[in-house]
Amino acid sequence: MFIFSMCHEGHWTVKHIHGFASEYLMSWFPELGSYQAFSNRLNRLGGAFTGLVETLLSSFLADDCLFDQSLLDSM
């Protein structure tokens, strides 16, 4: 939901992503919960995003990629 909302809907803040999900995706995520709970879950997913980026980099390796350095920005 986080990545879809950013890429396809243009929502760049956690608050806007939660609002979009609350308004349009509630049938898919009936137990979405409050904004605070959503934000806490995203914060705990940092390691998962790191793994996702590693997988994507190995599939779409750029010529100037440095594997001994990493930077991940959710925005």
C-alpha atoms as a PDB file:
ATOM      1  CA  MET A   1       0.000   0.000   0.000  1.00  0.00           C
ATOM      2  CA  PHE A   2       2.840   2.385   0.886  1.00  0.00           C
ATOM      3  CA  ILE A   3       4.725   1.891  -2.388  1.00  0.00           C
ATOM      4  CA  PHE A   4       1.546   1.843  -4.507  1.00  0.00           C
ATOM      5  CA  SER A   5       0.330   5.091  -2.963  1.00  0.00           C
ATOM      6  CA  MET A   6       3.661   6.778  -3.595  1.00  0.00           C
ATOM      7  CA  CYS A   7       4.234   5.515  -7.138  1.00  0.00           C
ATOM      8  CA  HIS A   8       0.747   5.485  -8.606  1.00  0.00           C
ATOM      9  CA  GLU A   9      -1.218   7.981  -6.559  1.00  0.00           C
ATOM     10  CA  GLY A  10       1.461  10.599  -5.876  1.00  0.00           C
ATOM     11  CA  HIS A  11       1.050  10.615  -2.095  1.00  0.00           C
ATOM     12  CA  TRP A  12       4.427  11.412  -0.506  1.00  0.00           C
ATOM     13  CA  THR A  13       3.667  11.710   3.212  1.00  0.00           C
ATOM     14  CA  VAL A  14       2.646   8.963   5.605  1.00  0.00           C
ATOM     15  CA  LYS A  15      -0.384  11.051   6.588  1.00  0.00           C
ATOM     16  CA  HIS A  16      -1.579  11.318   2.967  1.00  0.00           C
ATOM     17  CA  ILE A  17      -0.943   7.623   2.332  1.00  0.00           C
ATOM     18  CA  HIS A  18      -2.972   6.680   5.407  1.00  0.00           C
ATOM     19  CA  GLY A  19      -5.749   9.060   4.353  1.00  0.00           C
ATOM     20  CA  PHE A  20      -5.841   7.574   0.858  1.00  0.00           C
ATOM     21  CA  ALA A  21      -5.965   4.037   2.258  1.00  0.00           C
ATOM     22  CA  SER A  22      -8.685   4.984   4.746  1.00  0.00           C
ATOM     23  CA  GLU A  23     -10.816   6.554   2.045  1.00  0.00           C
ATOM     24  CA  TYR A  24     -10.320   4.215  -0.915  1.00  0.00           C
ATOM     25  CA  LEU A  25      -8.744   0.938   0.230  1.00  0.00           C
ATOM     26  CA  MET A  26     -10.690   0.140   3.398  1.00  0.00           C
ATOM     27  CA  SER A  27     -12.291  -2.936   1.791  1.00  0.00           C
ATOM     28  CA  TRP A  28      -8.777  -4.355   1.200  1.00  0.00           C
ATOM     29  CA  PHE A  29      -7.431  -3.329   4.625  1.00  0.00           C
ATOM     30  CA  PRO A  30     -10.402  -3.476   7.031  1.00  0.00           C
ATOM     31  CA  GLU A  31      -8.126  -3.432  10.095  1.00  0.00           C
ATOM     32  CA  LEU A  32      -5.981  -0.508   8.947  1.00  0.00           C
ATOM     33  CA  GLY A  33      -6.237   1.233  12.306  1.00  0.00           C
ATOM     34  CA  SER A  34      -5.271   4.729  13.308  1.00  0.00           C
ATOM     35  CA  TYR A  35      -2.677   6.955  11.703  1.00  0.00           C
ATOM     36  CA  GLN A  36      -0.365   6.426  14.703  1.00  0.00           C
ATOM     37  CA  ALA A  37      -0.573   2.625  14.411  1.00  0.00           C
ATOM     38  CA  PHE A  38       0.031   2.827  10.643  1.00  0.00           C
ATOM     39  CA  SER A  39       3.051   5.072  11.146  1.00  0.00           C
ATOM     40  CA  ASN A  40       4.487   2.735  13.809  1.00  0.00           C
ATOM     41  CA  ARG A  41       4.110  -0.266  11.484  1.00  0.00           C
ATOM     42  CA  LEU A  42       5.943   1.590   8.705  1.00  0.00           C
ATOM     43  CA  ASN A  43       8.764   2.485  11.076  1.00  0.00           C
ATOM     44  CA  ARG A  44       9.187  -1.192  11.997  1.00  0.00           C
ATOM     45  CA  LEU A  45       9.427  -2.136   8.290  1.00  0.00           C
ATOM     46  CA  GLY A  46      12.781  -0.401   7.720  1.00  0.00           C
ATOM     47  CA  GLY A  47      14.636  -3.714   7.424  1.00  0.00           C
ATOM     48  CA  ALA A  48      12.097  -5.020   4.921  1.00  0.00           C
ATOM     49  CA  PHE A  49      12.602  -1.981   2.674  1.00  0.00           C
ATOM     50  CA  THR A  50      16.366  -2.539   2.851  1.00  0.00           C
ATOM     51  CA  GLY A  51      15.872  -6.142   1.684  1.00  0.00           C
ATOM     52  CA  LEU A  52      13.527  -5.016  -1.075  1.00  0.00           C
ATOM     53  CA  VAL A  53      16.046  -2.478  -2.350  1.00  0.00           C
ATOM     54  CA  GLU A  54      18.839  -5.091  -2.300  1.00  0.00           C
ATOM     55  CA  THR A  55      16.670  -7.412  -4.395  1.00  0.00           C
ATOM     56  CA  LEU A  56      15.772  -4.643  -6.827  1.00  0.00           C
ATOM     57  CA  LEU A  57      19.416  -3.591  -7.167  1.00  0.00           C
ATOM     58  CA  SER A  58      20.497  -7.119  -7.961  1.00  0.00           C
ATOM     59  CA  SER A  59      17.801  -7.315 -10.656  1.00  0.00           C
ATOM     60  CA  PHE A  60      18.342  -3.841 -12.112  1.00  0.00           C
ATOM     61  CA  LEU A  61      22.011  -3.152 -11.473  1.00  0.00           C
ATOM     62  CA  ALA A  62      23.180   0.262 -12.571  1.00  0.00           C
ATOM     63  CA  ASP A  63      26.703   0.637 -13.959  1.00  0.00           C
ATOM     64  CA  ASP A  64      27.746   3.077 -11.228  1.00  0.00           C
ATOM     65  CA  CYS A  65      26.265   1.106  -8.296  1.00  0.00           C
ATOM     66  CA  LEU A  66      28.449   0.846  -5.171  1.00  0.00           C
ATOM     67  CA  PHE A  67      27.623  -2.223  -3.094  1.00  0.00           C
ATOM     68  CA  ASP A  68      29.692  -1.110  -0.086  1.00  0.00           C
ATOM     69  CA  GLN A  69      27.473   1.982   0.375  1.00  0.00           C
ATOM     70  CA  SER A  70      23.739   2.261   0.801  1.00  0.00           C
ATOM     71  CA  LEU A  71      21.241   5.031   1.300  1.00  0.00           C
ATOM     72  CA  LEU A  72      17.515   4.472   1.661  1.00  0.00           C
ATOM     73  CA  ASP A  73      15.032   7.312   1.758  1.00  0.00           C
ATOM     74  CA  SER A  74      11.348   6.417   1.861  1.00  0.00           C
ATOM     75  CA  MET A  75      10.410   9.769   0.401  1.00  0.00           C
END
